[in-house]
Amino acid sequence: MLTSVWKQPRQLVAAIADFPAMLGPGFPAALGASLRELSALGMRKNQVSAAILRCPAVTQYTRQQMAANLQSVGLDLSNAPMEVIQFLADHPRLLTREGAPELGAKLRLFASWRLPPPMCPLLLARCPRLLKESEEQLQAVVDIFLGYGLTWANLHAVLLGYAPVLRVETSVVRLTLKLLTDFEVDLGRVVRYPRVFVHDPVQCIGPRLAYLAAFKPEKQSWQLVSLLSRSDDEFASLVCRRLPDEYAVFKDEWVRQFYEQVQLPANRGGGAGQRPNTLSQRLWSREVTDELWL
């Protein structure tokens, strides 16, 4: 039984050193009961082993106690998807009386965004690092989306489609959405491709949308994943049917002018000696407030 959890003796020694109470009068029979309790929560054998290795303290809880700890903070494991079970196996401290409140704080915040209760833990399961992210950061990103007119339903689709967006710097989220709206990209396309925030707004999104507007406006209606997930050379040759070197010159000049306009230091070389590609004045008109650029 012990070897089903601790493959090597040193792992068992480390676990006992971390949580001596595990060596109670009922050891090792009590451990077998703990394994069954975790299995009753819906964990597979490998998940049970991982949970005990990460947090030996869970061996002191019954299934009813762990379920009660979760229910006290708004998480009902009834019909919970395997993503959530895996999340709890990876973060078993949340099953304990001491760890559950940390989970509850995030679930309450997500519920304030009108996420249905079953979706709140799913959001954490899809990006566990949100546990350690400040509520100020998370709320700030949501406020930006709402400020750009996303409905609650669309916001939910974006967050569940790419939960790490909540950890993206707010300045990057603002700039990405501003570029998309400046180039008249329907933000409904962000719902279909929420991983748009993976791409650098200055080095990828901005110059590509500007290039399409100048040379291939008919391609602007393409799916964002098709426009952004390719390399620069593939974008130029396959999407725009132009020479990659031509796009490289355009991109360098676009980036240079961008940093000049927002008064930030350029972090890459511009196309020195090349004829500038004039950028749309509307792009830099700052029809939204200055804090959009902060």
C-alpha atoms as a PDB file:
ATOM      1  CA  MET A   1       0.000   0.000   0.000  1.00  0.00           C
ATOM      2  CA  LEU A   2       2.754   2.433   0.926  1.00  0.00           C
ATOM      3  CA  THR A   3       4.552   1.847  -2.356  1.00  0.00           C
ATOM      4  CA  SER A   4       1.417   2.866  -4.249  1.00  0.00           C
ATOM      5  CA  VAL A   5       2.066   6.414  -3.019  1.00  0.00           C
ATOM      6  CA  TRP A   6       5.742   6.607  -2.137  1.00  0.00           C
ATOM      7  CA  LYS A   7       7.756   4.851  -4.806  1.00  0.00           C
ATOM      8  CA  GLN A   8      10.999   5.395  -2.921  1.00  0.00           C
ATOM      9  CA  PRO A   9      11.686   5.209   0.845  1.00  0.00           C
ATOM     10  CA  ARG A  10      13.139   8.716   0.897  1.00  0.00           C
ATOM     11  CA  GLN A  11       9.798  10.086  -0.312  1.00  0.00           C
ATOM     12  CA  LEU A  12       8.036   8.490   2.654  1.00  0.00           C
ATOM     13  CA  VAL A  13      10.690   9.813   5.041  1.00  0.00           C
ATOM     14  CA  ALA A  14      10.267  13.323   3.618  1.00  0.00           C
ATOM     15  CA  ALA A  15       6.489  13.118   3.946  1.00  0.00           C
ATOM     16  CA  ILE A  16       6.709  12.023   7.577  1.00  0.00           C
ATOM     17  CA  ALA A  17       9.193  14.804   8.324  1.00  0.00           C
ATOM     18  CA  ASP A  18       6.795  17.282   6.737  1.00  0.00           C
ATOM     19  CA  PHE A  19       3.755  15.949   8.591  1.00  0.00           C
ATOM     20  CA  PRO A  20       4.663  13.738  11.586  1.00  0.00           C
ATOM     21  CA  ALA A  21       0.992  13.323  12.570  1.00  0.00           C
ATOM     22  CA  MET A  22       0.710  10.865   9.716  1.00  0.00           C
ATOM     23  CA  LEU A  23       2.491   8.350  11.971  1.00  0.00           C
ATOM     24  CA  GLY A  24      -0.524   8.030  14.228  1.00  0.00           C
ATOM     25  CA  PRO A  25      -1.589   4.904  16.144  1.00  0.00           C
ATOM     26  CA  GLY A  26      -3.459   3.600  13.139  1.00  0.00           C
ATOM     27  CA  PHE A  27      -0.520   3.836  10.718  1.00  0.00           C
ATOM     28  CA  PRO A  28      -0.333   2.339   8.130  1.00  0.00           C
ATOM     29  CA  ALA A  29      -3.944   1.112   8.105  1.00  0.00           C
ATOM     30  CA  ALA A  30      -5.209   4.683   8.474  1.00  0.00           C
ATOM     31  CA  LEU A  31      -3.337   5.592   5.332  1.00  0.00           C
ATOM     32  CA  GLY A  32      -5.294   3.004   3.396  1.00  0.00           C
ATOM     33  CA  ALA A  33      -8.490   4.636   4.592  1.00  0.00           C
ATOM     34  CA  SER A  34      -7.167   8.016   3.419  1.00  0.00           C
ATOM     35  CA  LEU A  35      -6.478   6.609  -0.015  1.00  0.00           C
ATOM     36  CA  ARG A  36     -10.043   5.397  -0.225  1.00  0.00           C
ATOM     37  CA  GLU A  37     -11.387   8.748   0.989  1.00  0.00           C
ATOM     38  CA  LEU A  38      -9.566  10.624  -1.763  1.00  0.00           C
ATOM     39  CA  SER A  39     -10.698   8.072  -4.324  1.00  0.00           C
ATOM     40  CA  ALA A  40     -14.263   8.651  -3.180  1.00  0.00           C
ATOM     41  CA  LEU A  41     -13.848  12.322  -4.095  1.00  0.00           C
ATOM     42  CA  GLY A  42     -13.365  11.216  -7.685  1.00  0.00           C
ATOM     43  CA  MET A  43      -9.580  11.048  -7.875  1.00  0.00           C
ATOM     44  CA  ARG A  44      -7.830   8.363  -9.846  1.00  0.00           C
ATOM     45  CA  LYS A  45      -5.049   6.309  -8.296  1.00  0.00           C
ATOM     46  CA  ASN A  46      -2.266   8.498  -9.691  1.00  0.00           C
ATOM     47  CA  GLN A  47      -4.097  11.640  -8.546  1.00  0.00           C
ATOM     48  CA  VAL A  48      -4.497  10.258  -5.030  1.00  0.00           C
ATOM     49  CA  SER A  49      -0.774   9.531  -4.887  1.00  0.00           C
ATOM     50  CA  ALA A  50       0.090  13.002  -6.171  1.00  0.00           C
ATOM     51  CA  ALA A  51      -2.242  14.686  -3.668  1.00  0.00           C
ATOM     52  CA  ILE A  52      -0.741  12.883  -0.670  1.00  0.00           C
ATOM     53  CA  LEU A  53       2.803  13.530  -1.860  1.00  0.00           C
ATOM     54  CA  ARG A  54       2.092  17.241  -2.186  1.00  0.00           C
ATOM     55  CA  CYS A  55       0.127  17.615   1.042  1.00  0.00           C
ATOM     56  CA  PRO A  56       0.405  14.734   3.524  1.00  0.00           C
ATOM     57  CA  ALA A  57      -2.025  16.599   5.795  1.00  0.00           C
ATOM     58  CA  VAL A  58      -4.936  15.452   3.619  1.00  0.00           C
ATOM     59  CA  THR A  59      -4.499  11.989   5.129  1.00  0.00           C
ATOM     60  CA  GLN A  60      -6.145  13.347   8.282  1.00  0.00           C
ATOM     61  CA  TYR A  61      -9.427  14.209   6.555  1.00  0.00           C
ATOM     62  CA  THR A  62     -12.398  12.074   5.622  1.00  0.00           C
ATOM     63  CA  ARG A  63     -14.179  12.476   2.318  1.00  0.00           C
ATOM     64  CA  GLN A  64     -17.079  14.170   4.098  1.00  0.00           C
ATOM     65  CA  GLN A  65     -14.739  16.643   5.781  1.00  0.00           C
ATOM     66  CA  MET A  66     -12.950  17.519   2.541  1.00  0.00           C
ATOM     67  CA  ALA A  67     -16.239  17.909   0.693  1.00  0.00           C
ATOM     68  CA  ALA A  68     -17.545  20.094   3.522  1.00  0.00           C
ATOM     69  CA  ASN A  69     -14.427  22.281   3.372  1.00  0.00           C
ATOM     70  CA  LEU A  70     -15.024  22.817  -0.338  1.00  0.00           C
ATOM     71  CA  GLN A  71     -18.758  23.387   0.020  1.00  0.00           C
ATOM     72  CA  SER A  72     -18.112  26.005   2.700  1.00  0.00           C
ATOM     73  CA  VAL A  73     -16.375  28.142   0.072  1.00  0.00           C
ATOM     74  CA  GLY A  74     -18.839  27.449  -2.729  1.00  0.00           C
ATOM     75  CA  LEU A  75     -17.376  24.451  -4.549  1.00  0.00           C
ATOM     76  CA  ASP A  76     -19.709  21.500  -4.969  1.00  0.00           C
ATOM     77  CA  LEU A  77     -17.940  18.425  -6.318  1.00  0.00           C
ATOM     78  CA  SER A  78     -21.172  16.890  -7.598  1.00  0.00           C
ATOM     79  CA  ASN A  79     -20.570  16.188 -11.282  1.00  0.00           C
ATOM     80  CA  ALA A  80     -17.324  18.187 -11.183  1.00  0.00           C
ATOM     81  CA  PRO A  81     -15.370  17.806 -14.449  1.00  0.00           C
ATOM     82  CA  MET A  82     -12.086  15.931 -14.372  1.00  0.00           C
ATOM     83  CA  GLU A  83     -10.251  19.230 -14.940  1.00  0.00           C
ATOM     84  CA  VAL A  84     -11.381  20.374 -11.496  1.00  0.00           C
ATOM     85  CA  ILE A  85     -10.500  17.034  -9.877  1.00  0.00           C
ATOM     86  CA  GLN A  86      -7.028  17.239 -11.412  1.00  0.00           C
ATOM     87  CA  PHE A  87      -6.682  20.799 -10.146  1.00  0.00           C
ATOM     88  CA  LEU A  88      -7.480  19.650  -6.597  1.00  0.00           C
ATOM     89  CA  ALA A  89      -5.028  16.756  -6.907  1.00  0.00           C
ATOM     90  CA  ASP A  90      -2.371  19.265  -7.939  1.00  0.00           C
ATOM     91  CA  HIS A  91      -3.330  21.638  -5.097  1.00  0.00           C
ATOM     92  CA  PRO A  92      -4.531  19.317  -2.307  1.00  0.00           C
ATOM     93  CA  ARG A  93      -4.006  21.928   0.397  1.00  0.00           C
ATOM     94  CA  LEU A  94      -7.251  23.465  -0.847  1.00  0.00           C
ATOM     95  CA  LEU A  95      -9.026  20.393   0.511  1.00  0.00           C
ATOM     96  CA  THR A  96      -7.952  21.232   4.054  1.00  0.00           C
ATOM     97  CA  ARG A  97      -9.588  23.568   6.539  1.00  0.00           C
ATOM     98  CA  GLU A  98      -6.640  25.955   6.290  1.00  0.00           C
ATOM     99  CA  GLY A  99      -6.411  25.983   2.494  1.00  0.00           C
ATOM    100  CA  ALA A 100     -10.068  26.184   1.499  1.00  0.00           C
ATOM    101  CA  PRO A 101     -10.462  29.928   2.303  1.00  0.00           C
ATOM    102  CA  GLU A 102      -7.794  30.770  -0.291  1.00  0.00           C
ATOM    103  CA  LEU A 103      -9.905  28.969  -2.864  1.00  0.00           C
ATOM    104  CA  GLY A 104     -13.076  30.645  -1.644  1.00  0.00           C
ATOM    105  CA  ALA A 105     -11.705  34.151  -2.139  1.00  0.00           C
ATOM    106  CA  LYS A 106     -11.101  33.488  -5.825  1.00  0.00           C
ATOM    107  CA  LEU A 107     -14.427  31.724  -6.344  1.00  0.00           C
ATOM    108  CA  ARG A 108     -16.296  34.695  -4.849  1.00  0.00           C
ATOM    109  CA  LEU A 109     -14.468  37.063  -7.177  1.00  0.00           C
ATOM    110  CA  PHE A 110     -15.291  34.930 -10.221  1.00  0.00           C
ATOM    111  CA  ALA A 111     -18.916  34.704  -9.146  1.00  0.00           C
ATOM    112  CA  SER A 112     -19.052  38.509  -9.068  1.00  0.00           C
ATOM    113  CA  TRP A 113     -18.346  38.350 -12.810  1.00  0.00           C
ATOM    114  CA  ARG A 114     -21.610  36.415 -13.222  1.00  0.00           C
ATOM    115  CA  LEU A 115     -19.821  33.173 -14.000  1.00  0.00           C
ATOM    116  CA  PRO A 116     -22.133  30.214 -13.338  1.00  0.00           C
ATOM    117  CA  PRO A 117     -21.016  28.365 -10.165  1.00  0.00           C
ATOM    118  CA  PRO A 118     -19.704  25.259 -12.011  1.00  0.00           C
ATOM    119  CA  MET A 119     -17.532  27.482 -14.208  1.00  0.00           C
ATOM    120  CA  CYS A 120     -15.747  29.268 -11.349  1.00  0.00           C
ATOM    121  CA  PRO A 121     -13.509  26.353 -10.289  1.00  0.00           C
ATOM    122  CA  LEU A 122     -13.051  25.448 -13.947  1.00  0.00           C
ATOM    123  CA  LEU A 123     -11.440  28.842 -14.522  1.00  0.00           C
ATOM    124  CA  LEU A 124      -8.881  28.077 -11.809  1.00  0.00           C
ATOM    125  CA  ALA A 125      -8.342  24.593 -13.173  1.00  0.00           C
ATOM    126  CA  ARG A 126      -7.444  26.070 -16.553  1.00  0.00           C
ATOM    127  CA  CYS A 127      -4.950  28.490 -15.014  1.00  0.00           C
ATOM    128  CA  PRO A 128      -3.925  27.456 -11.482  1.00  0.00           C
ATOM    129  CA  ARG A 129      -1.574  30.436 -11.239  1.00  0.00           C
ATOM    130  CA  LEU A 130      -4.648  32.606 -10.793  1.00  0.00           C
ATOM    131  CA  LEU A 131      -4.656  31.369  -7.194  1.00  0.00           C
ATOM    132  CA  LYS A 132      -1.627  33.534  -6.441  1.00  0.00           C
ATOM    133  CA  GLU A 133      -2.638  36.488  -8.620  1.00  0.00           C
ATOM    134  CA  SER A 134      -3.903  39.593  -6.857  1.00  0.00           C
ATOM    135  CA  GLU A 135      -7.590  40.385  -7.049  1.00  0.00           C
ATOM    136  CA  GLU A 136      -6.652  43.875  -8.236  1.00  0.00           C
ATOM    137  CA  GLN A 137      -4.930  42.438 -11.315  1.00  0.00           C
ATOM    138  CA  LEU A 138      -7.767  40.051 -12.122  1.00  0.00           C
ATOM    139  CA  GLN A 139     -10.477  42.683 -11.712  1.00  0.00           C
ATOM    140  CA  ALA A 140      -8.503  45.229 -13.739  1.00  0.00           C
ATOM    141  CA  VAL A 141      -8.369  42.899 -16.752  1.00  0.00           C
ATOM    142  CA  VAL A 142     -12.093  42.179 -16.518  1.00  0.00           C
ATOM    143  CA  ASP A 143     -12.855  45.908 -16.275  1.00  0.00           C
ATOM    144  CA  ILE A 144     -10.882  46.539 -19.467  1.00  0.00           C
ATOM    145  CA  PHE A 145     -12.906  43.936 -21.367  1.00  0.00           C
ATOM    146  CA  LEU A 146     -16.180  45.352 -20.088  1.00  0.00           C
ATOM    147  CA  GLY A 147     -15.006  48.853 -20.938  1.00  0.00           C
ATOM    148  CA  TYR A 148     -14.554  47.765 -24.536  1.00  0.00           C
ATOM    149  CA  GLY A 149     -18.133  46.569 -24.663  1.00  0.00           C
ATOM    150  CA  LEU A 150     -17.847  42.812 -24.227  1.00  0.00           C
ATOM    151  CA  THR A 151     -21.028  41.266 -22.901  1.00  0.00           C
ATOM    152  CA  TRP A 152     -20.877  39.042 -19.846  1.00  0.00           C
ATOM    153  CA  ALA A 153     -21.391  35.998 -22.054  1.00  0.00           C
ATOM    154  CA  ASN A 154     -18.530  37.020 -24.337  1.00  0.00           C
ATOM    155  CA  LEU A 155     -16.321  37.769 -21.345  1.00  0.00           C
ATOM    156  CA  HIS A 156     -16.985  34.284 -19.972  1.00  0.00           C
ATOM    157  CA  ALA A 157     -16.112  32.735 -23.332  1.00  0.00           C
ATOM    158  CA  VAL A 158     -12.815  34.632 -23.455  1.00  0.00           C
ATOM    159  CA  LEU A 159     -11.847  33.761 -19.883  1.00  0.00           C
ATOM    160  CA  LEU A 160     -12.718  30.085 -20.188  1.00  0.00           C
ATOM    161  CA  GLY A 161     -11.128  29.897 -23.626  1.00  0.00           C
ATOM    162  CA  TYR A 162      -7.850  31.396 -22.422  1.00  0.00           C
ATOM    163  CA  ALA A 163      -7.820  31.808 -18.650  1.00  0.00           C
ATOM    164  CA  PRO A 164      -4.176  33.053 -18.531  1.00  0.00           C
ATOM    165  CA  VAL A 165      -5.365  36.313 -20.102  1.00  0.00           C
ATOM    166  CA  LEU A 166      -6.200  37.382 -16.546  1.00  0.00           C
ATOM    167  CA  ARG A 167      -2.470  37.384 -15.771  1.00  0.00           C
ATOM    168  CA  VAL A 168      -1.486  39.476 -18.795  1.00  0.00           C
ATOM    169  CA  GLU A 169      -0.275  42.981 -17.991  1.00  0.00           C
ATOM    170  CA  THR A 170      -3.165  45.408 -18.183  1.00  0.00           C
ATOM    171  CA  SER A 171      -1.236  47.692 -20.545  1.00  0.00           C
ATOM    172  CA  VAL A 172      -0.884  44.799 -23.003  1.00  0.00           C
ATOM    173  CA  VAL A 173      -4.582  43.914 -22.785  1.00  0.00           C
ATOM    174  CA  ARG A 174      -5.530  47.562 -23.390  1.00  0.00           C
ATOM    175  CA  LEU A 175      -3.171  47.958 -26.316  1.00  0.00           C
ATOM    176  CA  THR A 176      -4.280  44.717 -27.969  1.00  0.00           C
ATOM    177  CA  LEU A 177      -7.945  45.686 -27.765  1.00  0.00           C
ATOM    178  CA  LYS A 178      -7.204  49.223 -28.940  1.00  0.00           C
ATOM    179  CA  LEU A 179      -5.329  47.996 -31.998  1.00  0.00           C
ATOM    180  CA  LEU A 180      -8.131  45.608 -32.874  1.00  0.00           C
ATOM    181  CA  THR A 181     -10.791  48.295 -32.563  1.00  0.00           C
ATOM    182  CA  ASP A 182      -8.691  50.896 -34.396  1.00  0.00           C
ATOM    183  CA  PHE A 183      -8.453  48.529 -37.344  1.00  0.00           C
ATOM    184  CA  GLU A 184     -12.188  47.812 -37.058  1.00  0.00           C
ATOM    185  CA  VAL A 185     -11.789  44.185 -36.048  1.00  0.00           C
ATOM    186  CA  ASP A 186     -15.037  42.953 -34.521  1.00  0.00           C
ATOM    187  CA  LEU A 187     -14.254  41.975 -30.934  1.00  0.00           C
ATOM    188  CA  GLY A 188     -16.513  38.986 -31.443  1.00  0.00           C
ATOM    189  CA  ARG A 189     -13.502  37.503 -33.204  1.00  0.00           C
ATOM    190  CA  VAL A 190     -11.595  37.711 -29.922  1.00  0.00           C
ATOM    191  CA  VAL A 191     -14.247  35.431 -28.432  1.00  0.00           C
ATOM    192  CA  ARG A 192     -13.490  32.898 -31.165  1.00  0.00           C
ATOM    193  CA  TYR A 193      -9.722  33.268 -30.693  1.00  0.00           C
ATOM    194  CA  PRO A 194      -9.051  34.399 -27.113  1.00  0.00           C
ATOM    195  CA  ARG A 195      -5.413  33.355 -27.459  1.00  0.00           C
ATOM    196  CA  VAL A 196      -4.945  36.570 -29.422  1.00  0.00           C
ATOM    197  CA  PHE A 197      -3.347  37.866 -26.207  1.00  0.00           C
ATOM    198  CA  VAL A 198      -0.482  35.413 -26.652  1.00  0.00           C
ATOM    199  CA  HIS A 199       0.782  37.563 -29.519  1.00  0.00           C
ATOM    200  CA  ASP A 200       2.880  40.675 -28.985  1.00  0.00           C
ATOM    201  CA  PRO A 201       0.679  43.674 -29.867  1.00  0.00           C
ATOM    202  CA  VAL A 202       3.607  45.779 -31.097  1.00  0.00           C
ATOM    203  CA  GLN A 203       5.720  43.155 -32.834  1.00  0.00           C
ATOM    204  CA  CYS A 204       2.874  41.090 -34.302  1.00  0.00           C
ATOM    205  CA  ILE A 205      -0.721  42.314 -34.068  1.00  0.00           C
ATOM    206  CA  GLY A 206      -0.259  45.996 -34.912  1.00  0.00           C
ATOM    207  CA  PRO A 207       2.059  45.719 -37.919  1.00  0.00           C
ATOM    208  CA  ARG A 208       0.110  42.830 -39.425  1.00  0.00           C
ATOM    209  CA  LEU A 209      -3.237  44.587 -39.201  1.00  0.00           C
ATOM    210  CA  ALA A 210      -1.673  47.761 -40.589  1.00  0.00           C
ATOM    211  CA  TYR A 211      -0.099  45.849 -43.479  1.00  0.00           C
ATOM    212  CA  LEU A 212      -3.373  44.166 -44.347  1.00  0.00           C
ATOM    213  CA  ALA A 213      -5.188  47.496 -44.251  1.00  0.00           C
ATOM    214  CA  ALA A 214      -2.642  48.969 -46.658  1.00  0.00           C
ATOM    215  CA  PHE A 215      -2.134  46.115 -49.100  1.00  0.00           C
ATOM    216  CA  LYS A 216      -4.691  43.344 -48.606  1.00  0.00           C
ATOM    217  CA  PRO A 217      -7.845  44.812 -47.051  1.00  0.00           C
ATOM    218  CA  GLU A 218      -9.896  41.863 -48.301  1.00  0.00           C
ATOM    219  CA  LYS A 219      -7.898  39.585 -45.988  1.00  0.00           C
ATOM    220  CA  GLN A 220      -8.827  41.570 -42.868  1.00  0.00           C
ATOM    221  CA  SER A 221     -11.905  39.396 -42.442  1.00  0.00           C
ATOM    222  CA  TRP A 222      -9.801  36.262 -42.035  1.00  0.00           C
ATOM    223  CA  GLN A 223      -9.827  34.430 -38.732  1.00  0.00           C
ATOM    224  CA  LEU A 224      -7.371  35.969 -36.273  1.00  0.00           C
ATOM    225  CA  VAL A 225      -5.681  32.621 -35.732  1.00  0.00           C
ATOM    226  CA  SER A 226      -4.851  32.494 -39.450  1.00  0.00           C
ATOM    227  CA  LEU A 227      -3.452  36.022 -39.411  1.00  0.00           C
ATOM    228  CA  LEU A 228      -1.442  35.848 -36.201  1.00  0.00           C
ATOM    229  CA  SER A 229      -0.266  32.286 -35.611  1.00  0.00           C
ATOM    230  CA  ARG A 230       2.112  32.181 -38.588  1.00  0.00           C
ATOM    231  CA  SER A 231       5.696  33.371 -38.764  1.00  0.00           C
ATOM    232  CA  ASP A 232       6.369  36.772 -40.329  1.00  0.00           C
ATOM    233  CA  ASP A 233       7.595  35.148 -43.534  1.00  0.00           C
ATOM    234  CA  GLU A 234       4.530  32.899 -43.765  1.00  0.00           C
ATOM    235  CA  PHE A 235       2.233  35.830 -43.078  1.00  0.00           C
ATOM    236  CA  ALA A 236       3.821  37.836 -45.878  1.00  0.00           C
ATOM    237  CA  SER A 237       4.026  35.079 -48.481  1.00  0.00           C
ATOM    238  CA  LEU A 238       0.983  32.908 -47.730  1.00  0.00           C
ATOM    239  CA  VAL A 239      -1.550  35.433 -46.449  1.00  0.00           C
ATOM    240  CA  CYS A 240      -0.537  38.625 -48.230  1.00  0.00           C
ATOM    241  CA  ARG A 241       1.208  37.155 -51.285  1.00  0.00           C
ATOM    242  CA  ARG A 242       3.994  39.675 -50.836  1.00  0.00           C
ATOM    243  CA  LEU A 243       7.745  39.361 -50.415  1.00  0.00           C
ATOM    244  CA  PRO A 244       8.805  38.647 -46.824  1.00  0.00           C
ATOM    245  CA  ASP A 245      11.538  41.288 -47.062  1.00  0.00           C
ATOM    246  CA  GLU A 246       8.944  43.885 -47.998  1.00  0.00           C
ATOM    247  CA  TYR A 247       6.887  43.076 -44.922  1.00  0.00           C
ATOM    248  CA  ALA A 248      10.022  43.112 -42.752  1.00  0.00           C
ATOM    249  CA  VAL A 249      10.766  46.692 -43.837  1.00  0.00           C
ATOM    250  CA  PHE A 250       7.164  47.733 -43.210  1.00  0.00           C
ATOM    251  CA  LYS A 251       7.140  46.090 -39.786  1.00  0.00           C
ATOM    252  CA  ASP A 252      10.387  47.715 -38.665  1.00  0.00           C
ATOM    253  CA  GLU A 253       9.113  51.133 -39.661  1.00  0.00           C
ATOM    254  CA  TRP A 254       5.724  50.547 -38.052  1.00  0.00           C
ATOM    255  CA  VAL A 255       7.338  49.525 -34.770  1.00  0.00           C
ATOM    256  CA  ARG A 256       9.690  52.515 -34.863  1.00  0.00           C
ATOM    257  CA  GLN A 257       6.833  54.938 -35.430  1.00  0.00           C
ATOM    258  CA  PHE A 258       4.767  53.276 -32.737  1.00  0.00           C
ATOM    259  CA  TYR A 259       7.425  53.821 -30.091  1.00  0.00           C
ATOM    260  CA  GLU A 260       7.922  57.398 -31.255  1.00  0.00           C
ATOM    261  CA  GLN A 261       4.217  58.122 -30.987  1.00  0.00           C
ATOM    262  CA  VAL A 262       3.787  56.669 -27.510  1.00  0.00           C
ATOM    263  CA  GLN A 263       7.158  58.049 -26.388  1.00  0.00           C
ATOM    264  CA  LEU A 264       8.595  54.703 -25.410  1.00  0.00           C
ATOM    265  CA  PRO A 265      12.098  53.504 -26.253  1.00  0.00           C
ATOM    266  CA  ALA A 266      12.192  51.222 -29.267  1.00  0.00           C
ATOM    267  CA  ASN A 267      13.470  47.776 -28.352  1.00  0.00           C
ATOM    268  CA  ARG A 268      14.198  46.683 -31.882  1.00  0.00           C
ATOM    269  CA  GLY A 269      15.866  48.338 -34.797  1.00  0.00           C
ATOM    270  CA  GLY A 270      13.780  50.207 -37.311  1.00  0.00           C
ATOM    271  CA  GLY A 271      14.179  50.216 -41.065  1.00  0.00           C
ATOM    272  CA  ALA A 272      16.831  52.915 -41.246  1.00  0.00           C
ATOM    273  CA  GLY A 273      17.260  54.331 -44.697  1.00  0.00           C
ATOM    274  CA  GLN A 274      13.965  52.913 -45.908  1.00  0.00           C
ATOM    275  CA  ARG A 275      11.072  55.005 -47.120  1.00  0.00           C
ATOM    276  CA  PRO A 276       8.621  55.295 -44.192  1.00  0.00           C
ATOM    277  CA  ASN A 277       5.207  53.710 -44.515  1.00  0.00           C
ATOM    278  CA  THR A 278       2.838  56.402 -43.279  1.00  0.00           C
ATOM    279  CA  LEU A 279       0.654  55.151 -40.481  1.00  0.00           C
ATOM    280  CA  SER A 280      -2.981  56.070 -40.173  1.00  0.00           C
ATOM    281  CA  GLN A 281      -3.435  59.243 -38.131  1.00  0.00           C
ATOM    282  CA  ARG A 282      -6.564  57.708 -36.690  1.00  0.00           C
ATOM    283  CA  LEU A 283      -4.479  54.966 -35.123  1.00  0.00           C
ATOM    284  CA  TRP A 284      -2.642  57.484 -32.994  1.00  0.00           C
ATOM    285  CA  SER A 285      -5.464  59.974 -32.440  1.00  0.00           C
ATOM    286  CA  ARG A 286      -6.060  58.723 -28.888  1.00  0.00           C
ATOM    287  CA  GLU A 287      -9.777  59.092 -29.231  1.00  0.00           C
ATOM    288  CA  VAL A 288      -9.861  57.044 -26.071  1.00  0.00           C
ATOM    289  CA  THR A 289      -8.440  58.564 -22.909  1.00  0.00           C
ATOM    290  CA  ASP A 290      -4.747  58.881 -22.208  1.00  0.00           C
ATOM    291  CA  GLU A 291      -4.882  56.337 -19.426  1.00  0.00           C
ATOM    292  CA  LEU A 292      -5.513  53.716 -22.096  1.00  0.00           C
ATOM    293  CA  TRP A 293      -1.801  53.939 -22.768  1.00  0.00           C
ATOM    294  CA  LEU A 294      -0.626  53.701 -19.169  1.00  0.00           C
END
